[in-house]
Amino acid sequence: MIHAHVTAWFLALILFVIALFLHKSGKAKGFKIIQMILRVLYLIIIATGIGLLMQVYHIDWKYILKAVGGLWVIGLFEMILSRVAKNRRTSVFWVQFVVAFLLVLYLGFAVLPMSILHP
């Protein structure tokens, strides 16, 4: 389950960058297609995240913080793309994205027991 979760996150991040480049190059149809694919990936990310939470026997604040942070990142993906499509400012959302993404990466890869770097 963890491999599906990480793979979905990785694909979502790549498609997010591709969507930004498609919008910048003026390809609105490609942008919309990638945005729809991303929305399906959001559902996969949330489903696998819930599955991972169900595997934990004792849920403490770190798991809750990572889940909320992950939902925050997904929300920021969507907000950034929708504001870019409407040609509105996104600087506040980018700052939030960096903070939330680094928090989720830190918790996911260094702190929580199912992580790669956890002793």
PDB file of N, CA and C in Angstrom:
ATOM      1  N   MET A   1       0.815  -1.188   0.000  1.00  0.00           N
ATOM      2  CA  MET A   1       0.000   0.000   0.000  1.00  0.00           C
ATOM      3  C   MET A   1       0.866   1.262   0.000  1.00  0.00           C
ATOM      4  N   ILE A   2       1.990   1.212   0.708  1.00  0.00           N
ATOM      5  CA  ILE A   2       2.830   2.401   0.792  1.00  0.00           C
ATOM      6  C   ILE A   2       3.457   2.730  -0.566  1.00  0.00           C
ATOM      7  N   HIS A   3       3.740   1.682  -1.355  1.00  0.00           N
ATOM      8  CA  HIS A   3       4.318   1.921  -2.677  1.00  0.00           C
ATOM      9  C   HIS A   3       3.309   2.611  -3.592  1.00  0.00           C
ATOM     10  N   ALA A   4       2.063   2.206  -3.519  1.00  0.00           N
ATOM     11  CA  ALA A   4       1.011   2.848  -4.314  1.00  0.00           C
ATOM     12  C   ALA A   4       0.846   4.302  -3.895  1.00  0.00           C
ATOM     13  N   HIS A   5       0.931   4.565  -2.606  1.00  0.00           N
ATOM     14  CA  HIS A   5       0.773   5.926  -2.093  1.00  0.00           C
ATOM     15  C   HIS A   5       1.907   6.830  -2.583  1.00  0.00           C
ATOM     16  N   VAL A   6       3.130   6.361  -2.435  1.00  0.00           N
ATOM     17  CA  VAL A   6       4.287   7.157  -2.863  1.00  0.00           C
ATOM     18  C   VAL A   6       4.287   7.326  -4.378  1.00  0.00           C
ATOM     19  N   THR A   7       3.937   6.279  -5.118  1.00  0.00           N
ATOM     20  CA  THR A   7       3.885   6.369  -6.579  1.00  0.00           C
ATOM     21  C   THR A   7       2.823   7.371  -7.024  1.00  0.00           C
ATOM     22  N   ALA A   8       1.664   7.351  -6.387  1.00  0.00           N
ATOM     23  CA  ALA A   8       0.606   8.305  -6.739  1.00  0.00           C
ATOM     24  C   ALA A   8       1.047   9.728  -6.440  1.00  0.00           C
ATOM     25  N   TRP A   9       1.724   9.939  -5.312  1.00  0.00           N
ATOM     26  CA  TRP A   9       2.236  11.274  -4.995  1.00  0.00           C
ATOM     27  C   TRP A   9       3.253  11.726  -6.030  1.00  0.00           C
ATOM     28  N   PHE A  10       4.148  10.828  -6.383  1.00  0.00           N
ATOM     29  CA  PHE A  10       5.201  11.164  -7.348  1.00  0.00           C
ATOM     30  C   PHE A  10       4.587  11.516  -8.703  1.00  0.00           C
ATOM     31  N   LEU A  11       3.632  10.715  -9.166  1.00  0.00           N
ATOM     32  CA  LEU A  11       2.952  11.003 -10.430  1.00  0.00           C
ATOM     33  C   LEU A  11       2.189  12.321 -10.369  1.00  0.00           C
ATOM     34  N   ALA A  12       1.540  12.579  -9.235  1.00  0.00           N
ATOM     35  CA  ALA A  12       0.795  13.831  -9.080  1.00  0.00           C
ATOM     36  C   ALA A  12       1.737  15.027  -9.146  1.00  0.00           C
ATOM     37  N   LEU A  13       2.886  14.925  -8.521  1.00  0.00           N
ATOM     38  CA  LEU A  13       3.846  16.020  -8.549  1.00  0.00           C
ATOM     39  C   LEU A  13       4.353  16.268  -9.973  1.00  0.00           C
ATOM     40  N   ILE A  14       4.656  15.196 -10.692  1.00  0.00           N
ATOM     41  CA  ILE A  14       5.118  15.335 -12.084  1.00  0.00           C
ATOM     42  C   ILE A  14       4.020  15.934 -12.958  1.00  0.00           C
ATOM     43  N   LEU A  15       2.793  15.440 -12.822  1.00  0.00           N
ATOM     44  CA  LEU A  15       1.695  15.963 -13.630  1.00  0.00           C
ATOM     45  C   LEU A  15       1.356  17.401 -13.263  1.00  0.00           C
ATOM     46  N   PHE A  16       1.541  17.768 -12.021  1.00  0.00           N
ATOM     47  CA  PHE A  16       1.335  19.152 -11.595  1.00  0.00           C
ATOM     48  C   PHE A  16       2.297  20.083 -12.335  1.00  0.00           C
ATOM     49  N   VAL A  17       3.554  19.698 -12.389  1.00  0.00           N
ATOM     50  CA  VAL A  17       4.557  20.504 -13.105  1.00  0.00           C
ATOM     51  C   VAL A  17       4.240  20.543 -14.597  1.00  0.00           C
ATOM     52  N   ILE A  18       3.851  19.414 -15.159  1.00  0.00           N
ATOM     53  CA  ILE A  18       3.493  19.369 -16.584  1.00  0.00           C
ATOM     54  C   ILE A  18       2.302  20.279 -16.859  1.00  0.00           C
ATOM     55  N   ALA A  19       1.311  20.272 -15.974  1.00  0.00           N
ATOM     56  CA  ALA A  19       0.139  21.134 -16.153  1.00  0.00           C
ATOM     57  C   ALA A  19       0.547  22.604 -16.144  1.00  0.00           C
ATOM     58  N   LEU A  20       1.457  22.969 -15.253  1.00  0.00           N
ATOM     59  CA  LEU A  20       1.920  24.358 -15.219  1.00  0.00           C
ATOM     60  C   LEU A  20       2.616  24.734 -16.516  1.00  0.00           C
ATOM     61  N   PHE A  21       3.450  23.838 -17.043  1.00  0.00           N
ATOM     62  CA  PHE A  21       4.134  24.121 -18.308  1.00  0.00           C
ATOM     63  C   PHE A  21       3.157  24.176 -19.476  1.00  0.00           C
ATOM     64  N   LEU A  22       2.155  23.312 -19.477  1.00  0.00           N
ATOM     65  CA  LEU A  22       1.150  23.345 -20.540  1.00  0.00           C
ATOM     66  C   LEU A  22       0.380  24.658 -20.523  1.00  0.00           C
ATOM     67  N   HIS A  23       0.036  25.129 -19.346  1.00  0.00           N
ATOM     68  CA  HIS A  23      -0.678  26.402 -19.265  1.00  0.00           C
ATOM     69  C   HIS A  23       0.204  27.549 -19.736  1.00  0.00           C
ATOM     70  N   LYS A  24       1.465  27.517 -19.326  1.00  0.00           N
ATOM     71  CA  LYS A  24       2.396  28.583 -19.715  1.00  0.00           C
ATOM     72  C   LYS A  24       2.600  28.616 -21.223  1.00  0.00           C
ATOM     73  N   SER A  25       2.545  27.449 -21.871  1.00  0.00           N
ATOM     74  CA  SER A  25       2.739  27.398 -23.325  1.00  0.00           C
ATOM     75  C   SER A  25       1.439  27.633 -24.091  1.00  0.00           C
ATOM     76  N   GLY A  26       0.324  27.838 -23.375  1.00  0.00           N
ATOM     77  CA  GLY A  26      -0.930  28.177 -24.026  1.00  0.00           C
ATOM     78  C   GLY A  26      -1.759  26.998 -24.506  1.00  0.00           C
ATOM     79  N   LYS A  27      -1.483  25.819 -24.016  1.00  0.00           N
ATOM     80  CA  LYS A  27      -2.220  24.618 -24.433  1.00  0.00           C
ATOM     81  C   LYS A  27      -3.322  24.322 -23.412  1.00  0.00           C
ATOM     82  N   ALA A  28      -4.461  25.008 -23.577  1.00  0.00           N
ATOM     83  CA  ALA A  28      -5.548  24.917 -22.602  1.00  0.00           C
ATOM     84  C   ALA A  28      -6.173  23.524 -22.557  1.00  0.00           C
ATOM     85  N   LYS A  29      -6.304  22.884 -23.708  1.00  0.00           N
ATOM     86  CA  LYS A  29      -6.928  21.554 -23.746  1.00  0.00           C
ATOM     87  C   LYS A  29      -6.063  20.527 -23.002  1.00  0.00           C
ATOM     88  N   GLY A  30      -4.764  20.547 -23.251  1.00  0.00           N
ATOM     89  CA  GLY A  30      -3.848  19.651 -22.553  1.00  0.00           C
ATOM     90  C   GLY A  30      -3.828  19.926 -21.062  1.00  0.00           C
ATOM     91  N   PHE A  31      -3.901  21.200 -20.700  1.00  0.00           N
ATOM     92  CA  PHE A  31      -3.948  21.592 -19.294  1.00  0.00           C
ATOM     93  C   PHE A  31      -5.171  20.989 -18.606  1.00  0.00           C
ATOM     94  N   LYS A  32      -6.333  21.083 -19.253  1.00  0.00           N
ATOM     95  CA  LYS A  32      -7.574  20.540 -18.678  1.00  0.00           C
ATOM     96  C   LYS A  32      -7.508  19.022 -18.535  1.00  0.00           C
ATOM     97  N   ILE A  33      -6.934  18.355 -19.519  1.00  0.00           N
ATOM     98  CA  ILE A  33      -6.816  16.891 -19.468  1.00  0.00           C
ATOM     99  C   ILE A  33      -5.928  16.470 -18.292  1.00  0.00           C
ATOM    100  N   ILE A  34      -4.786  17.120 -18.154  1.00  0.00           N
ATOM    101  CA  ILE A  34      -3.871  16.806 -17.060  1.00  0.00           C
ATOM    102  C   ILE A  34      -4.535  17.114 -15.715  1.00  0.00           C
ATOM    103  N   GLN A  35      -5.299  18.204 -15.662  1.00  0.00           N
ATOM    104  CA  GLN A  35      -5.992  18.560 -14.427  1.00  0.00           C
ATOM    105  C   GLN A  35      -7.009  17.487 -14.031  1.00  0.00           C
ATOM    106  N   MET A  36      -7.703  16.917 -15.004  1.00  0.00           N
ATOM    107  CA  MET A  36      -8.656  15.845 -14.705  1.00  0.00           C
ATOM    108  C   MET A  36      -7.943  14.569 -14.235  1.00  0.00           C
ATOM    109  N   ILE A  37      -6.828  14.252 -14.864  1.00  0.00           N
ATOM    110  CA  ILE A  37      -6.044  13.086 -14.439  1.00  0.00           C
ATOM    111  C   ILE A  37      -5.535  13.302 -13.009  1.00  0.00           C
ATOM    112  N   LEU A  38      -5.111  14.526 -12.721  1.00  0.00           N
ATOM    113  CA  LEU A  38      -4.647  14.842 -11.366  1.00  0.00           C
ATOM    114  C   LEU A  38      -5.753  14.639 -10.343  1.00  0.00           C
ATOM    115  N   ARG A  39      -6.966  14.993 -10.690  1.00  0.00           N
ATOM    116  CA  ARG A  39      -8.077  14.826  -9.749  1.00  0.00           C
ATOM    117  C   ARG A  39      -8.329  13.356  -9.434  1.00  0.00           C
ATOM    118  N   VAL A  40      -8.129  12.493 -10.406  1.00  0.00           N
ATOM    119  CA  VAL A  40      -8.241  11.054 -10.150  1.00  0.00           C
ATOM    120  C   VAL A  40      -7.101  10.602  -9.235  1.00  0.00           C
ATOM    121  N   LEU A  41      -5.911  11.141  -9.483  1.00  0.00           N
ATOM    122  CA  LEU A  41      -4.776  10.793  -8.621  1.00  0.00           C
ATOM    123  C   LEU A  41      -4.992  11.275  -7.190  1.00  0.00           C
ATOM    124  N   TYR A  42      -5.647  12.426  -7.018  1.00  0.00           N
ATOM    125  CA  TYR A  42      -5.953  12.892  -5.666  1.00  0.00           C
ATOM    126  C   TYR A  42      -6.789  11.854  -4.928  1.00  0.00           C
ATOM    127  N   LEU A  43      -7.768  11.302  -5.611  1.00  0.00           N
ATOM    128  CA  LEU A  43      -8.614  10.283  -4.991  1.00  0.00           C
ATOM    129  C   LEU A  43      -7.811   9.038  -4.622  1.00  0.00           C
ATOM    130  N   ILE A  44      -6.889   8.645  -5.505  1.00  0.00           N
ATOM    131  CA  ILE A  44      -6.034   7.485  -5.224  1.00  0.00           C
ATOM    132  C   ILE A  44      -5.127   7.776  -4.030  1.00  0.00           C
ATOM    133  N   ILE A  45      -4.573   8.981  -3.974  1.00  0.00           N
ATOM    134  CA  ILE A  45      -3.705   9.370  -2.858  1.00  0.00           C
ATOM    135  C   ILE A  45      -4.483   9.324  -1.549  1.00  0.00           C
ATOM    136  N   ILE A  46      -5.677   9.883  -1.549  1.00  0.00           N
ATOM    137  CA  ILE A  46      -6.489   9.897  -0.328  1.00  0.00           C
ATOM    138  C   ILE A  46      -6.874   8.475   0.077  1.00  0.00           C
ATOM    139  N   ALA A  47      -7.259   7.644  -0.888  1.00  0.00           N
ATOM    140  CA  ALA A  47      -7.655   6.262  -0.579  1.00  0.00           C
ATOM    141  C   ALA A  47      -6.483   5.464  -0.018  1.00  0.00           C
ATOM    142  N   THR A  48      -5.313   5.574  -0.633  1.00  0.00           N
ATOM    143  CA  THR A  48      -4.154   4.831  -0.116  1.00  0.00           C
ATOM    144  C   THR A  48      -3.693   5.404   1.222  1.00  0.00           C
ATOM    145  N   GLY A  49      -3.832   6.704   1.415  1.00  0.00           N
ATOM    146  CA  GLY A  49      -3.486   7.312   2.705  1.00  0.00           C
ATOM    147  C   GLY A  49      -4.392   6.801   3.809  1.00  0.00           C
ATOM    148  N   ILE A  50      -5.686   6.704   3.523  1.00  0.00           N
ATOM    149  CA  ILE A  50      -6.620   6.147   4.511  1.00  0.00           C
ATOM    150  C   ILE A  50      -6.273   4.684   4.780  1.00  0.00           C
ATOM    151  N   GLY A  51      -5.914   3.944   3.722  1.00  0.00           N
ATOM    152  CA  GLY A  51      -5.504   2.555   3.904  1.00  0.00           C
ATOM    153  C   GLY A  51      -4.276   2.427   4.789  1.00  0.00           C
ATOM    154  N   LEU A  52      -3.321   3.325   4.622  1.00  0.00           N
ATOM    155  CA  LEU A  52      -2.134   3.309   5.470  1.00  0.00           C
ATOM    156  C   LEU A  52      -2.479   3.657   6.913  1.00  0.00           C
ATOM    157  N   LEU A  53      -3.380   4.609   7.104  1.00  0.00           N
ATOM    158  CA  LEU A  53      -3.800   4.949   8.465  1.00  0.00           C
ATOM    159  C   LEU A  53      -4.500   3.776   9.146  1.00  0.00           C
ATOM    160  N   MET A  54      -5.225   2.977   8.367  1.00  0.00           N
ATOM    161  CA  MET A  54      -5.927   1.826   8.936  1.00  0.00           C
ATOM    162  C   MET A  54      -4.954   0.734   9.378  1.00  0.00           C
ATOM    163  N   GLN A  55      -3.744   0.734   8.836  1.00  0.00           N
ATOM    164  CA  GLN A  55      -2.748  -0.268   9.217  1.00  0.00           C
ATOM    165  C   GLN A  55      -2.037   0.077  10.519  1.00  0.00           C
ATOM    166  N   VAL A  56      -2.194   1.302  10.990  1.00  0.00           N
ATOM    167  CA  VAL A  56      -1.517   1.756  12.201  1.00  0.00           C
ATOM    168  C   VAL A  56      -2.345   1.360  13.422  1.00  0.00           C
ATOM    169  N   TYR A  57      -1.688   0.794  14.432  1.00  0.00           N
ATOM    170  CA  TYR A  57      -2.391   0.345  15.629  1.00  0.00           C
ATOM    171  C   TYR A  57      -2.637   1.478  16.615  1.00  0.00           C
ATOM    172  N   HIS A  58      -1.682   2.371  16.729  1.00  0.00           N
ATOM    173  CA  HIS A  58      -1.810   3.482  17.669  1.00  0.00           C
ATOM    174  C   HIS A  58      -1.585   4.784  16.895  1.00  0.00           C
ATOM    175  N   ILE A  59      -2.644   5.511  16.642  1.00  0.00           N
ATOM    176  CA  ILE A  59      -2.538   6.762  15.883  1.00  0.00           C
ATOM    177  C   ILE A  59      -2.288   7.900  16.860  1.00  0.00           C
ATOM    178  N   ASP A  60      -1.130   8.550  16.715  1.00  0.00           N
ATOM    179  CA  ASP A  60      -0.848   9.706  17.550  1.00  0.00           C
ATOM    180  C   ASP A  60      -0.880  10.981  16.702  1.00  0.00           C
ATOM    181  N   TRP A  61      -0.451  12.082  17.249  1.00  0.00           N
ATOM    182  CA  TRP A  61      -0.576  13.381  16.606  1.00  0.00           C
ATOM    183  C   TRP A  61       0.246  13.484  15.325  1.00  0.00           C
ATOM    184  N   LYS A  62       1.332  12.724  15.211  1.00  0.00           N
ATOM    185  CA  LYS A  62       2.168  12.798  14.005  1.00  0.00           C
ATOM    186  C   LYS A  62       1.417  12.276  12.778  1.00  0.00           C
ATOM    187  N   TYR A  63       0.671  11.211  12.961  1.00  0.00           N
ATOM    188  CA  TYR A  63      -0.121  10.667  11.858  1.00  0.00           C
ATOM    189  C   TYR A  63      -1.223  11.642  11.435  1.00  0.00           C
ATOM    190  N   ILE A  64      -1.864  12.246  12.416  1.00  0.00           N
ATOM    191  CA  ILE A  64      -2.922  13.213  12.128  1.00  0.00           C
ATOM    192  C   ILE A  64      -2.332  14.426  11.418  1.00  0.00           C
ATOM    193  N   LEU A  65      -1.168  14.897  11.886  1.00  0.00           N
ATOM    194  CA  LEU A  65      -0.506  16.043  11.257  1.00  0.00           C
ATOM    195  C   LEU A  65      -0.117  15.729   9.820  1.00  0.00           C
ATOM    196  N   LYS A  66       0.377  14.529   9.572  1.00  0.00           N
ATOM    197  CA  LYS A  66       0.741  14.160   8.205  1.00  0.00           C
ATOM    198  C   LYS A  66      -0.494  14.049   7.325  1.00  0.00           C
ATOM    199  N   ALA A  67      -1.574  13.502   7.831  1.00  0.00           N
ATOM    200  CA  ALA A  67      -2.810  13.390   7.045  1.00  0.00           C
ATOM    201  C   ALA A  67      -3.360  14.776   6.698  1.00  0.00           C
ATOM    202  N   VAL A  68      -3.393  15.655   7.681  1.00  0.00           N
ATOM    203  CA  VAL A  68      -3.873  17.019   7.429  1.00  0.00           C
ATOM    204  C   VAL A  68      -2.937  17.747   6.467  1.00  0.00           C
ATOM    205  N   GLY A  69      -1.638  17.565   6.647  1.00  0.00           N
ATOM    206  CA  GLY A  69      -0.666  18.175   5.738  1.00  0.00           C
ATOM    207  C   GLY A  69      -0.810  17.650   4.319  1.00  0.00           C
ATOM    208  N   GLY A  70      -1.054  16.360   4.180  1.00  0.00           N
ATOM    209  CA  GLY A  70      -1.257  15.779   2.852  1.00  0.00           C
ATOM    210  C   GLY A  70      -2.494  16.326   2.175  1.00  0.00           C
ATOM    211  N   LEU A  71      -3.577  16.455   2.930  1.00  0.00           N
ATOM    212  CA  LEU A  71      -4.797  17.057   2.371  1.00  0.00           C
ATOM    213  C   LEU A  71      -4.570  18.522   2.019  1.00  0.00           C
ATOM    214  N   TRP A  72      -3.759  19.198   2.820  1.00  0.00           N
ATOM    215  CA  TRP A  72      -3.410  20.590   2.558  1.00  0.00           C
ATOM    216  C   TRP A  72      -2.643  20.699   1.241  1.00  0.00           C
ATOM    217  N   VAL A  73      -1.694  19.805   1.019  1.00  0.00           N
ATOM    218  CA  VAL A  73      -0.924  19.818  -0.229  1.00  0.00           C
ATOM    219  C   VAL A  73      -1.839  19.556  -1.429  1.00  0.00           C
ATOM    220  N   ILE A  74      -2.739  18.595  -1.311  1.00  0.00           N
ATOM    221  CA  ILE A  74      -3.667  18.308  -2.406  1.00  0.00           C
ATOM    222  C   ILE A  74      -4.538  19.530  -2.693  1.00  0.00           C
ATOM    223  N   GLY A  75      -5.025  20.165  -1.640  1.00  0.00           N
ATOM    224  CA  GLY A  75      -5.820  21.380  -1.818  1.00  0.00           C
ATOM    225  C   GLY A  75      -5.028  22.490  -2.489  1.00  0.00           C
ATOM    226  N   LEU A  76      -3.762  22.604  -2.125  1.00  0.00           N
ATOM    227  CA  LEU A  76      -2.914  23.633  -2.736  1.00  0.00           C
ATOM    228  C   LEU A  76      -2.618  23.328  -4.202  1.00  0.00           C
ATOM    229  N   PHE A  77      -2.437  22.034  -4.536  1.00  0.00           N
ATOM    230  CA  PHE A  77      -2.305  21.656  -5.949  1.00  0.00           C
ATOM    231  C   PHE A  77      -3.480  22.229  -6.737  1.00  0.00           C
ATOM    232  N   GLU A  78      -4.662  21.954  -6.241  1.00  0.00           N
ATOM    233  CA  GLU A  78      -5.881  22.360  -6.945  1.00  0.00           C
ATOM    234  C   GLU A  78      -6.039  23.881  -6.968  1.00  0.00           C
ATOM    235  N   MET A  79      -5.757  24.543  -5.852  1.00  0.00           N
ATOM    236  CA  MET A  79      -5.895  26.000  -5.806  1.00  0.00           C
ATOM    237  C   MET A  79      -4.897  26.693  -6.724  1.00  0.00           C
ATOM    238  N   ILE A  80      -3.669  26.205  -6.745  1.00  0.00           N
ATOM    239  CA  ILE A  80      -2.657  26.807  -7.619  1.00  0.00           C
ATOM    240  C   ILE A  80      -3.055  26.639  -9.075  1.00  0.00           C
ATOM    241  N   LEU A  81      -3.473  25.431  -9.449  1.00  0.00           N
ATOM    242  CA  LEU A  81      -3.848  25.207 -10.849  1.00  0.00           C
ATOM    243  C   LEU A  81      -5.077  26.018 -11.250  1.00  0.00           C
ATOM    244  N   SER A  82      -6.045  26.122 -10.367  1.00  0.00           N
ATOM    245  CA  SER A  82      -7.245  26.882 -10.731  1.00  0.00           C
ATOM    246  C   SER A  82      -6.948  28.374 -10.824  1.00  0.00           C
ATOM    247  N   ARG A  83      -6.093  28.890  -9.949  1.00  0.00           N
ATOM    248  CA  ARG A  83      -5.746  30.306 -10.019  1.00  0.00           C
ATOM    249  C   ARG A  83      -4.830  30.597 -11.204  1.00  0.00           C
ATOM    250  N   VAL A  84      -3.972  29.670 -11.554  1.00  0.00           N
ATOM    251  CA  VAL A  84      -3.133  29.847 -12.746  1.00  0.00           C
ATOM    252  C   VAL A  84      -4.015  29.888 -13.986  1.00  0.00           C
ATOM    253  N   ALA A  85      -5.025  29.019 -14.036  1.00  0.00           N
ATOM    254  CA  ALA A  85      -5.928  28.989 -15.188  1.00  0.00           C
ATOM    255  C   ALA A  85      -6.698  30.297 -15.330  1.00  0.00           C
ATOM    256  N   LYS A  86      -6.979  30.963 -14.207  1.00  0.00           N
ATOM    257  CA  LYS A  86      -7.702  32.239 -14.243  1.00  0.00           C
ATOM    258  C   LYS A  86      -6.759  33.445 -14.278  1.00  0.00           C
ATOM    259  N   ASN A  87      -5.456  33.185 -14.388  1.00  0.00           N
ATOM    260  CA  ASN A  87      -4.427  34.236 -14.423  1.00  0.00           C
ATOM    261  C   ASN A  87      -4.486  35.138 -13.192  1.00  0.00           C
ATOM    262  N   ARG A  88      -4.597  34.528 -12.032  1.00  0.00           N
ATOM    263  CA  ARG A  88      -4.613  35.263 -10.766  1.00  0.00           C
ATOM    264  C   ARG A  88      -3.327  34.968 -10.005  1.00  0.00           C
ATOM    265  N   ARG A  89      -3.024  35.786  -9.007  1.00  0.00           N
ATOM    266  CA  ARG A  89      -1.796  35.632  -8.220  1.00  0.00           C
ATOM    267  C   ARG A  89      -1.802  34.328  -7.424  1.00  0.00           C
ATOM    268  N   THR A  90      -0.641  33.702  -7.348  1.00  0.00           N
ATOM    269  CA  THR A  90      -0.519  32.433  -6.627  1.00  0.00           C
ATOM    270  C   THR A  90       0.616  32.437  -5.607  1.00  0.00           C
ATOM    271  N   SER A  91       1.245  33.570  -5.362  1.00  0.00           N
ATOM    272  CA  SER A  91       2.443  33.600  -4.513  1.00  0.00           C
ATOM    273  C   SER A  91       2.170  33.091  -3.093  1.00  0.00           C
ATOM    274  N   VAL A  92       1.044  33.460  -2.502  1.00  0.00           N
ATOM    275  CA  VAL A  92       0.718  32.993  -1.154  1.00  0.00           C
ATOM    276  C   VAL A  92       0.556  31.475  -1.138  1.00  0.00           C
ATOM    277  N   PHE A  93      -0.069  30.945  -2.175  1.00  0.00           N
ATOM    278  CA  PHE A  93      -0.280  29.501  -2.250  1.00  0.00           C
ATOM    279  C   PHE A  93       1.030  28.752  -2.464  1.00  0.00           C
ATOM    280  N   TRP A  94       1.961  29.343  -3.204  1.00  0.00           N
ATOM    281  CA  TRP A  94       3.258  28.702  -3.400  1.00  0.00           C
ATOM    282  C   TRP A  94       4.036  28.611  -2.088  1.00  0.00           C
ATOM    283  N   VAL A  95       3.973  29.663  -1.285  1.00  0.00           N
ATOM    284  CA  VAL A  95       4.648  29.631   0.020  1.00  0.00           C
ATOM    285  C   VAL A  95       4.032  28.543   0.895  1.00  0.00           C
ATOM    286  N   GLN A  96       2.710  28.489   0.931  1.00  0.00           N
ATOM    287  CA  GLN A  96       2.031  27.446   1.697  1.00  0.00           C
ATOM    288  C   GLN A  96       2.397  26.062   1.170  1.00  0.00           C
ATOM    289  N   PHE A  97       2.475  25.927  -0.155  1.00  0.00           N
ATOM    290  CA  PHE A  97       2.803  24.646  -0.763  1.00  0.00           C
ATOM    291  C   PHE A  97       4.179  24.163  -0.309  1.00  0.00           C
ATOM    292  N   VAL A  98       5.162  25.054  -0.335  1.00  0.00           N
ATOM    293  CA  VAL A  98       6.518  24.666   0.070  1.00  0.00           C
ATOM    294  C   VAL A  98       6.528  24.219   1.530  1.00  0.00           C
ATOM    295  N   VAL A  99       5.879  24.982   2.402  1.00  0.00           N
ATOM    296  CA  VAL A  99       5.844  24.633   3.830  1.00  0.00           C
ATOM    297  C   VAL A  99       5.136  23.296   4.047  1.00  0.00           C
ATOM    298  N   ALA A 100       3.963  23.140   3.451  1.00  0.00           N
ATOM    299  CA  ALA A 100       3.191  21.910   3.649  1.00  0.00           C
ATOM    300  C   ALA A 100       3.901  20.705   3.045  1.00  0.00           C
ATOM    301  N   PHE A 101       4.466  20.861   1.859  1.00  0.00           N
ATOM    302  CA  PHE A 101       5.132  19.738   1.198  1.00  0.00           C
ATOM    303  C   PHE A 101       6.366  19.297   1.987  1.00  0.00           C
ATOM    304  N   LEU A 102       7.151  20.254   2.479  1.00  0.00           N
ATOM    305  CA  LEU A 102       8.319  19.889   3.279  1.00  0.00           C
ATOM    306  C   LEU A 102       7.909  19.213   4.586  1.00  0.00           C
ATOM    307  N   LEU A 103       6.831  19.685   5.198  1.00  0.00           N
ATOM    308  CA  LEU A 103       6.325  19.053   6.423  1.00  0.00           C
ATOM    309  C   LEU A 103       5.910  17.608   6.166  1.00  0.00           C
ATOM    310  N   VAL A 104       5.176  17.397   5.087  1.00  0.00           N
ATOM    311  CA  VAL A 104       4.713  16.043   4.754  1.00  0.00           C
ATOM    312  C   VAL A 104       5.891  15.131   4.417  1.00  0.00           C
ATOM    313  N   LEU A 105       6.850  15.645   3.666  1.00  0.00           N
ATOM    314  CA  LEU A 105       8.035  14.836   3.345  1.00  0.00           C
ATOM    315  C   LEU A 105       8.823  14.482   4.603  1.00  0.00           C
ATOM    316  N   TYR A 106       9.004  15.452   5.485  1.00  0.00           N
ATOM    317  CA  TYR A 106       9.732  15.195   6.720  1.00  0.00           C
ATOM    318  C   TYR A 106       9.028  14.139   7.574  1.00  0.00           C
ATOM    319  N   LEU A 107       7.741  14.310   7.762  1.00  0.00           N
ATOM    320  CA  LEU A 107       7.001  13.332   8.560  1.00  0.00           C
ATOM    321  C   LEU A 107       6.972  11.963   7.884  1.00  0.00           C
ATOM    322  N   GLY A 108       6.773  11.956   6.579  1.00  0.00           N
ATOM    323  CA  GLY A 108       6.642  10.692   5.871  1.00  0.00           C
ATOM    324  C   GLY A 108       7.931   9.917   5.717  1.00  0.00           C
ATOM    325  N   PHE A 109       9.045  10.630   5.541  1.00  0.00           N
ATOM    326  CA  PHE A 109      10.300   9.936   5.264  1.00  0.00           C
ATOM    327  C   PHE A 109      11.257   9.865   6.452  1.00  0.00           C
ATOM    328  N   ALA A 110      11.063  10.681   7.478  1.00  0.00           N
ATOM    329  CA  ALA A 110      12.035  10.698   8.566  1.00  0.00           C
ATOM    330  C   ALA A 110      11.445  10.389   9.937  1.00  0.00           C
ATOM    331  N   VAL A 111      10.167  10.639  10.168  1.00  0.00           N
ATOM    332  CA  VAL A 111       9.631  10.548  11.517  1.00  0.00           C
ATOM    333  C   VAL A 111       8.786   9.303  11.735  1.00  0.00           C
ATOM    334  N   LEU A 112       7.837   9.074  10.878  1.00  0.00           N
ATOM    335  CA  LEU A 112       6.852   7.996  11.107  1.00  0.00           C
ATOM    336  C   LEU A 112       7.469   6.618  10.891  1.00  0.00           C
ATOM    337  N   PRO A 113       6.972   5.621  11.608  1.00  0.00           N
ATOM    338  CA  PRO A 113       7.601   4.289  11.599  1.00  0.00           C
ATOM    339  C   PRO A 113       7.616   3.582  10.236  1.00  0.00           C
ATOM    340  N   MET A 114       6.663   3.834   9.372  1.00  0.00           N
ATOM    341  CA  MET A 114       6.661   3.163   8.076  1.00  0.00           C
ATOM    342  C   MET A 114       7.539   3.882   7.047  1.00  0.00           C
ATOM    343  N   SER A 115       8.331   4.858   7.502  1.00  0.00           N
ATOM    344  CA  SER A 115       9.136   5.645   6.584  1.00  0.00           C
ATOM    345  C   SER A 115      10.440   4.934   6.226  1.00  0.00           C
ATOM    346  N   ILE A 116      11.087   5.471   5.240  1.00  0.00           N
ATOM    347  CA  ILE A 116      12.327   4.874   4.738  1.00  0.00           C
ATOM    348  C   ILE A 116      13.485   5.135   5.685  1.00  0.00           C
ATOM    349  N   LEU A 117      13.578   6.340   6.214  1.00  0.00           N
ATOM    350  CA  LEU A 117      14.728   6.748   7.030  1.00  0.00           C
ATOM    351  C   LEU A 117      14.555   6.489   8.515  1.00  0.00           C
ATOM    352  N   HIS A 118      13.406   5.977   8.915  1.00  0.00           N
ATOM    353  CA  HIS A 118      13.162   5.744  10.348  1.00  0.00           C
ATOM    354  C   HIS A 118      14.048   4.606  10.845  1.00  0.00           C
ATOM    355  N   PRO A 119      14.697   4.808  12.021  1.00  0.00           N
ATOM    356  CA  PRO A 119      15.613   3.766  12.535  1.00  0.00           C
ATOM    357  C   PRO A 119      14.909   2.507  12.973  1.00  0.00           C
TER     358      PRO A 119
END
